Amino acid sequence: MSLNWDISKVENHEELFVGEGDERRLDGITEAFVWMSMATGLGKGWSLDLDFAPEFFARVKLLEKLNGHIATHVVDGKRVPYEISVEDVLRRVGLHVNVSPVSRAQFLKNAVSVDLDRDKRKAETARAERLAAA
């Protein structure tokens, strides 16, 4: 199934596009939220609503803590990590993405399992390299 999104119900949604003509696309934060929706789930009816916005923000922040920043911006000519804010999430209320809602328990299980598995693989690789060198 393809990942589909719709921002037509976001207030002033045209402001969330950057570029012109064939280069027109979603701004970086909105695009990051579309992709993050697969990991976080969205609220009722596949949409980010005002009720779910605080939970979505908390889930994004947890994923940032586990995996690093989800967006960057340019400051003084250098690309630096961008800190997602509550205002960024509230600005995108109405975002619709065809991902299924995920309970908090399932979200936490998925997020922590991925992090644990990644670190376990690193340790297993290091162990295998040590054994091979011996």
N, C-alpha and C. Protein backbone atom coordinates (compact mmCIF):
# COMPACT_ATOMS: atom_id res chain seq x y z
N MET A 1 0.84 -1.18 0.00
CA MET A 1 0.00 0.00 0.00
C MET A 1 0.89 1.24 0.00
N SER A 2 0.56 2.20 -0.82
CA SER A 2 1.34 3.44 -0.89
C SER A 2 0.98 4.34 0.29
N LEU A 3 1.92 5.21 0.63
CA LEU A 3 1.69 6.19 1.69
C LEU A 3 1.09 7.44 1.03
N ASN A 4 -0.14 7.75 1.38
CA ASN A 4 -0.84 8.91 0.83
C ASN A 4 -1.10 9.92 1.93
N TRP A 5 -1.06 11.19 1.57
CA TRP A 5 -1.30 12.26 2.53
C TRP A 5 -2.19 13.32 1.91
N ASP A 6 -2.79 14.11 2.80
CA ASP A 6 -3.66 15.21 2.37
C ASP A 6 -3.57 16.31 3.43
N ILE A 7 -3.30 17.52 3.00
CA ILE A 7 -3.23 18.64 3.96
C ILE A 7 -4.34 19.66 3.71
N SER A 8 -5.32 19.31 2.89
CA SER A 8 -6.36 20.28 2.53
C SER A 8 -7.18 20.74 3.73
N LYS A 9 -7.20 19.98 4.82
CA LYS A 9 -7.95 20.37 6.01
C LYS A 9 -7.09 21.09 7.04
N VAL A 10 -5.82 21.31 6.73
CA VAL A 10 -4.93 22.09 7.59
C VAL A 10 -5.19 23.56 7.29
N GLU A 11 -5.35 24.36 8.33
CA GLU A 11 -5.59 25.79 8.15
C GLU A 11 -4.43 26.41 7.37
N ASN A 12 -4.75 27.22 6.36
CA ASN A 12 -3.75 27.87 5.50
C ASN A 12 -2.74 26.85 4.96
N HIS A 13 -3.27 25.74 4.48
CA HIS A 13 -2.41 24.64 4.06
C HIS A 13 -1.46 25.00 2.91
N GLU A 14 -1.82 25.98 2.10
CA GLU A 14 -0.94 26.36 0.99
C GLU A 14 0.42 26.85 1.50
N GLU A 15 0.46 27.36 2.73
CA GLU A 15 1.72 27.85 3.30
C GLU A 15 2.69 26.71 3.63
N LEU A 16 2.19 25.47 3.61
CA LEU A 16 3.04 24.32 3.94
C LEU A 16 3.78 23.76 2.73
N PHE A 17 3.62 24.42 1.59
CA PHE A 17 4.35 24.03 0.39
C PHE A 17 5.53 24.98 0.19
N VAL A 18 6.60 24.44 -0.37
CA VAL A 18 7.76 25.25 -0.76
C VAL A 18 8.06 24.96 -2.22
N GLY A 19 8.74 25.86 -2.86
CA GLY A 19 9.10 25.67 -4.26
C GLY A 19 7.99 26.09 -5.20
N GLU A 20 8.30 26.05 -6.47
CA GLU A 20 7.37 26.47 -7.52
C GLU A 20 7.27 25.40 -8.59
N GLY A 21 6.15 25.36 -9.26
CA GLY A 21 5.96 24.46 -10.41
C GLY A 21 6.28 23.02 -10.09
N ASP A 22 7.14 22.42 -10.93
CA ASP A 22 7.53 21.03 -10.75
C ASP A 22 8.35 20.81 -9.48
N GLU A 23 8.88 21.89 -8.94
CA GLU A 23 9.69 21.81 -7.72
C GLU A 23 8.85 21.97 -6.45
N ARG A 24 7.55 22.16 -6.59
CA ARG A 24 6.67 22.38 -5.43
C ARG A 24 6.53 21.09 -4.64
N ARG A 25 6.73 21.21 -3.32
CA ARG A 25 6.65 20.05 -2.44
C ARG A 25 6.30 20.50 -1.03
N LEU A 26 6.03 19.54 -0.17
CA LEU A 26 5.76 19.87 1.24
C LEU A 26 7.00 20.43 1.90
N ASP A 27 6.80 21.31 2.87
CA ASP A 27 7.95 21.79 3.65
C ASP A 27 8.52 20.61 4.44
N GLY A 28 9.73 20.76 4.92
CA GLY A 28 10.43 19.66 5.58
C GLY A 28 9.74 19.10 6.81
N ILE A 29 9.16 19.96 7.62
CA ILE A 29 8.51 19.48 8.85
C ILE A 29 7.27 18.68 8.51
N THR A 30 6.45 19.19 7.59
CA THR A 30 5.24 18.47 7.20
C THR A 30 5.61 17.12 6.59
N GLU A 31 6.60 17.12 5.72
CA GLU A 31 7.03 15.86 5.11
C GLU A 31 7.54 14.89 6.17
N ALA A 32 8.30 15.39 7.14
CA ALA A 32 8.78 14.53 8.22
C ALA A 32 7.61 13.94 9.01
N PHE A 33 6.59 14.75 9.26
CA PHE A 33 5.42 14.25 9.99
C PHE A 33 4.69 13.17 9.19
N VAL A 34 4.61 13.34 7.88
CA VAL A 34 3.98 12.30 7.04
C VAL A 34 4.72 10.98 7.24
N TRP A 35 6.04 11.02 7.11
CA TRP A 35 6.81 9.78 7.27
C TRP A 35 6.78 9.27 8.70
N MET A 36 6.81 10.18 9.67
CA MET A 36 6.78 9.76 11.08
C MET A 36 5.43 9.15 11.45
N SER A 37 4.40 9.45 10.69
CA SER A 37 3.07 8.92 11.02
C SER A 37 3.05 7.40 10.98
N MET A 38 3.93 6.79 10.19
CA MET A 38 3.98 5.33 10.15
C MET A 38 4.45 4.77 11.49
N ALA A 39 5.36 5.46 12.14
CA ALA A 39 5.87 4.99 13.43
C ALA A 39 4.99 5.43 14.59
N THR A 40 4.39 6.61 14.47
CA THR A 40 3.63 7.16 15.59
C THR A 40 2.15 6.79 15.54
N GLY A 41 1.63 6.51 14.36
CA GLY A 41 0.18 6.38 14.20
C GLY A 41 -0.42 7.78 14.27
N LEU A 42 -1.59 7.94 13.76
CA LEU A 42 -2.28 9.22 13.89
C LEU A 42 -3.58 8.97 14.63
N GLY A 43 -4.27 10.02 14.94
CA GLY A 43 -5.50 9.92 15.72
C GLY A 43 -6.64 9.29 14.94
N LYS A 44 -7.83 9.57 15.36
CA LYS A 44 -9.03 8.99 14.75
C LYS A 44 -9.09 9.30 13.26
N GLY A 45 -9.55 8.31 12.50
CA GLY A 45 -9.77 8.54 11.07
C GLY A 45 -8.54 8.90 10.28
N TRP A 46 -7.38 8.43 10.69
CA TRP A 46 -6.12 8.65 9.98
C TRP A 46 -5.71 10.12 9.93
N SER A 47 -6.25 10.95 10.82
CA SER A 47 -5.95 12.39 10.78
C SER A 47 -5.38 12.87 12.10
N LEU A 48 -4.49 13.84 11.98
CA LEU A 48 -3.97 14.51 13.17
C LEU A 48 -5.02 15.53 13.60
N ASP A 49 -5.67 15.25 14.71
CA ASP A 49 -6.69 16.18 15.20
C ASP A 49 -6.19 16.87 16.47
N LEU A 50 -6.94 17.85 16.92
CA LEU A 50 -6.53 18.64 18.08
C LEU A 50 -6.42 17.79 19.34
N ASP A 51 -7.28 16.78 19.47
CA ASP A 51 -7.23 15.91 20.64
C ASP A 51 -5.97 15.05 20.66
N PHE A 52 -5.54 14.59 19.50
CA PHE A 52 -4.37 13.69 19.42
C PHE A 52 -3.05 14.45 19.33
N ALA A 53 -3.09 15.74 19.04
CA ALA A 53 -1.87 16.52 18.83
C ALA A 53 -0.87 16.42 19.99
N PRO A 54 -1.29 16.53 21.27
CA PRO A 54 -0.30 16.40 22.35
C PRO A 54 0.36 15.02 22.38
N GLU A 55 -0.41 13.99 22.12
CA GLU A 55 0.16 12.63 22.09
C GLU A 55 1.12 12.47 20.91
N PHE A 56 0.74 13.00 19.75
CA PHE A 56 1.61 12.94 18.58
C PHE A 56 2.93 13.66 18.88
N PHE A 57 2.84 14.84 19.49
CA PHE A 57 4.05 15.59 19.85
C PHE A 57 4.94 14.75 20.77
N ALA A 58 4.34 14.15 21.80
CA ALA A 58 5.12 13.35 22.75
C ALA A 58 5.78 12.16 22.05
N ARG A 59 5.06 11.55 21.13
CA ARG A 59 5.62 10.40 20.41
C ARG A 59 6.78 10.83 19.51
N VAL A 60 6.62 11.95 18.82
CA VAL A 60 7.70 12.46 17.98
C VAL A 60 8.93 12.77 18.83
N LYS A 61 8.72 13.40 19.98
CA LYS A 61 9.85 13.74 20.85
C LYS A 61 10.56 12.49 21.37
N LEU A 62 9.79 11.45 21.70
CA LEU A 62 10.42 10.21 22.14
C LEU A 62 11.25 9.60 21.01
N LEU A 63 10.70 9.58 19.81
CA LEU A 63 11.45 9.04 18.68
C LEU A 63 12.71 9.86 18.39
N GLU A 64 12.63 11.18 18.59
CA GLU A 64 13.83 12.01 18.44
C GLU A 64 14.88 11.63 19.48
N LYS A 65 14.45 11.38 20.70
CA LYS A 65 15.40 10.98 21.75
C LYS A 65 16.07 9.66 21.41
N LEU A 66 15.31 8.75 20.83
CA LEU A 66 15.86 7.44 20.50
C LEU A 66 16.69 7.43 19.23
N ASN A 67 16.26 8.23 18.23
CA ASN A 67 16.86 8.12 16.89
C ASN A 67 17.54 9.38 16.39
N GLY A 68 17.39 10.48 17.08
CA GLY A 68 17.94 11.74 16.60
C GLY A 68 16.88 12.60 15.96
N HIS A 69 17.23 13.82 15.65
CA HIS A 69 16.28 14.79 15.10
C HIS A 69 15.68 14.31 13.78
N ILE A 70 14.42 14.68 13.56
CA ILE A 70 13.74 14.25 12.33
C ILE A 70 13.80 15.32 11.25
N ALA A 71 14.28 16.50 11.59
CA ALA A 71 14.34 17.58 10.61
C ALA A 71 15.57 18.45 10.90
N THR A 72 16.00 19.16 9.86
CA THR A 72 17.10 20.11 10.00
C THR A 72 16.69 21.43 9.36
N HIS A 73 17.44 22.46 9.64
CA HIS A 73 17.25 23.75 8.98
C HIS A 73 18.60 24.42 8.85
N VAL A 74 18.65 25.49 8.10
CA VAL A 74 19.91 26.17 7.85
C VAL A 74 20.03 27.38 8.76
N VAL A 75 21.15 27.45 9.48
CA VAL A 75 21.47 28.57 10.36
C VAL A 75 22.88 29.02 10.01
N ASP A 76 23.02 30.28 9.66
CA ASP A 76 24.33 30.82 9.29
C ASP A 76 25.02 29.98 8.22
N GLY A 77 24.23 29.53 7.25
CA GLY A 77 24.78 28.77 6.14
C GLY A 77 25.08 27.31 6.43
N LYS A 78 24.77 26.86 7.66
CA LYS A 78 25.05 25.46 8.02
C LYS A 78 23.75 24.75 8.35
N ARG A 79 23.65 23.50 7.93
CA ARG A 79 22.48 22.67 8.24
C ARG A 79 22.64 22.14 9.66
N VAL A 80 21.66 22.46 10.51
CA VAL A 80 21.69 22.03 11.92
C VAL A 80 20.37 21.36 12.28
N PRO A 81 20.39 20.52 13.33
CA PRO A 81 19.15 19.86 13.74
C PRO A 81 18.07 20.88 14.11
N TYR A 82 16.84 20.55 13.76
CA TYR A 82 15.70 21.39 14.09
C TYR A 82 14.92 20.74 15.22
N GLU A 83 14.64 21.50 16.24
CA GLU A 83 13.90 21.02 17.41
C GLU A 83 12.41 21.16 17.14
N ILE A 84 11.70 20.04 16.99
CA ILE A 84 10.25 20.06 16.76
C ILE A 84 9.57 20.64 17.99
N SER A 85 8.62 21.55 17.75
CA SER A 85 7.90 22.20 18.85
C SER A 85 6.43 21.80 18.84
N VAL A 86 5.77 22.09 19.95
CA VAL A 86 4.33 21.87 20.03
C VAL A 86 3.64 22.69 18.95
N GLU A 87 4.12 23.89 18.71
CA GLU A 87 3.53 24.76 17.69
C GLU A 87 3.63 24.12 16.30
N ASP A 88 4.74 23.42 16.02
CA ASP A 88 4.88 22.74 14.74
C ASP A 88 3.77 21.70 14.55
N VAL A 89 3.48 20.97 15.62
CA VAL A 89 2.43 19.95 15.55
C VAL A 89 1.06 20.62 15.42
N LEU A 90 0.78 21.61 16.26
CA LEU A 90 -0.52 22.27 16.20
C LEU A 90 -0.75 22.94 14.85
N ARG A 91 0.30 23.44 14.22
CA ARG A 91 0.19 24.08 12.92
C ARG A 91 -0.30 23.10 11.85
N ARG A 92 -0.08 21.82 12.08
CA ARG A 92 -0.41 20.81 11.08
C ARG A 92 -1.63 19.96 11.44
N VAL A 93 -2.42 20.44 12.41
CA VAL A 93 -3.68 19.76 12.74
C VAL A 93 -4.54 19.75 11.48
N GLY A 94 -5.05 18.58 11.15
CA GLY A 94 -5.80 18.39 9.92
C GLY A 94 -5.04 17.52 8.93
N LEU A 95 -3.75 17.31 9.16
CA LEU A 95 -2.96 16.43 8.31
C LEU A 95 -3.61 15.05 8.28
N HIS A 96 -3.78 14.53 7.10
CA HIS A 96 -4.41 13.21 6.91
C HIS A 96 -3.40 12.31 6.20
N VAL A 97 -3.13 11.16 6.79
CA VAL A 97 -2.20 10.19 6.22
C VAL A 97 -2.84 8.82 6.35
N ASN A 98 -2.72 7.99 5.34
CA ASN A 98 -3.37 6.69 5.37
C ASN A 98 -2.58 5.65 6.17
N VAL A 99 -2.36 5.96 7.44
CA VAL A 99 -1.75 5.01 8.36
C VAL A 99 -2.75 4.70 9.47
N SER A 100 -2.66 3.51 9.99
CA SER A 100 -3.59 3.11 11.03
C SER A 100 -3.20 3.71 12.37
N PRO A 101 -4.20 4.02 13.19
CA PRO A 101 -3.90 4.47 14.55
C PRO A 101 -3.13 3.38 15.30
N VAL A 102 -2.27 3.80 16.20
CA VAL A 102 -1.47 2.89 17.01
C VAL A 102 -1.69 3.28 18.47
N SER A 103 -2.02 2.31 19.30
CA SER A 103 -2.19 2.61 20.72
C SER A 103 -0.86 3.04 21.32
N ARG A 104 -0.92 3.69 22.46
CA ARG A 104 0.31 4.11 23.12
C ARG A 104 1.16 2.89 23.48
N ALA A 105 0.52 1.85 23.98
CA ALA A 105 1.26 0.64 24.37
C ALA A 105 1.97 0.05 23.15
N GLN A 106 1.29 -0.04 22.02
CA GLN A 106 1.90 -0.60 20.81
C GLN A 106 3.00 0.32 20.29
N PHE A 107 2.77 1.64 20.34
CA PHE A 107 3.80 2.59 19.93
C PHE A 107 5.06 2.40 20.76
N LEU A 108 4.91 2.34 22.09
CA LEU A 108 6.07 2.19 22.96
C LEU A 108 6.79 0.87 22.71
N LYS A 109 6.03 -0.19 22.55
CA LYS A 109 6.64 -1.49 22.26
C LYS A 109 7.44 -1.42 20.96
N ASN A 110 6.84 -0.85 19.92
CA ASN A 110 7.54 -0.74 18.63
C ASN A 110 8.79 0.12 18.74
N ALA A 111 8.65 1.29 19.35
CA ALA A 111 9.77 2.25 19.43
C ALA A 111 10.93 1.68 20.23
N VAL A 112 10.63 1.10 21.37
CA VAL A 112 11.69 0.58 22.23
C VAL A 112 12.29 -0.68 21.62
N SER A 113 11.48 -1.52 21.03
CA SER A 113 11.99 -2.75 20.40
C SER A 113 12.98 -2.42 19.28
N VAL A 114 12.63 -1.46 18.46
CA VAL A 114 13.53 -1.07 17.37
C VAL A 114 14.86 -0.59 17.93
N ASP A 115 14.82 0.23 18.97
CA ASP A 115 16.04 0.76 19.57
C ASP A 115 16.87 -0.36 20.20
N LEU A 116 16.22 -1.23 20.94
CA LEU A 116 16.92 -2.35 21.56
C LEU A 116 17.54 -3.26 20.51
N ASP A 117 16.77 -3.58 19.49
CA ASP A 117 17.28 -4.46 18.43
C ASP A 117 18.48 -3.85 17.73
N ARG A 118 18.45 -2.55 17.47
CA ARG A 118 19.56 -1.87 16.80
C ARG A 118 20.83 -1.98 17.66
N ASP A 119 20.71 -1.69 18.95
CA ASP A 119 21.88 -1.77 19.83
C ASP A 119 22.36 -3.20 20.00
N LYS A 120 21.44 -4.14 20.04
CA LYS A 120 21.83 -5.55 20.15
C LYS A 120 22.62 -5.98 18.92
N ARG A 121 22.16 -5.56 17.72
CA ARG A 121 22.89 -5.91 16.49
C ARG A 121 24.30 -5.32 16.51
N LYS A 122 24.45 -4.09 17.01
CA LYS A 122 25.78 -3.48 17.10
C LYS A 122 26.68 -4.33 17.98
N ALA A 123 26.15 -4.75 19.13
CA ALA A 123 26.95 -5.55 20.06
C ALA A 123 27.28 -6.92 19.48
N GLU A 124 26.32 -7.52 18.76
CA GLU A 124 26.56 -8.82 18.14
C GLU A 124 27.64 -8.72 17.06
N THR A 125 27.61 -7.63 16.29
CA THR A 125 28.62 -7.42 15.26
C THR A 125 29.99 -7.26 15.89
N ALA A 126 30.08 -6.46 16.95
CA ALA A 126 31.36 -6.25 17.65
C ALA A 126 31.87 -7.57 18.23
N ARG A 127 30.98 -8.37 18.80
CA ARG A 127 31.36 -9.66 19.37
C ARG A 127 31.89 -10.58 18.26
N ALA A 128 31.19 -10.63 17.13
CA ALA A 128 31.61 -11.49 16.02
C ALA A 128 32.98 -11.05 15.49
N GLU A 129 33.21 -9.75 15.40
CA GLU A 129 34.51 -9.25 14.93
C GLU A 129 35.62 -9.62 15.91
N ARG A 130 35.32 -9.54 17.19
CA ARG A 130 36.32 -9.90 18.21
C ARG A 130 36.65 -11.39 18.13
N LEU A 131 35.60 -12.20 17.97
CA LEU A 131 35.82 -13.66 17.87
C LEU A 131 36.59 -14.01 16.61
N ALA A 132 36.33 -13.33 15.52
CA ALA A 132 37.02 -13.59 14.26
C ALA A 132 38.49 -13.21 14.35
N ALA A 133 38.78 -12.16 15.13
CA ALA A 133 40.16 -11.68 15.27
C ALA A 133 40.97 -12.56 16.21
N ALA A 134 40.30 -13.33 17.04
CA ALA A 134 41.00 -14.14 18.04
C ALA A 134 41.61 -15.40 17.45
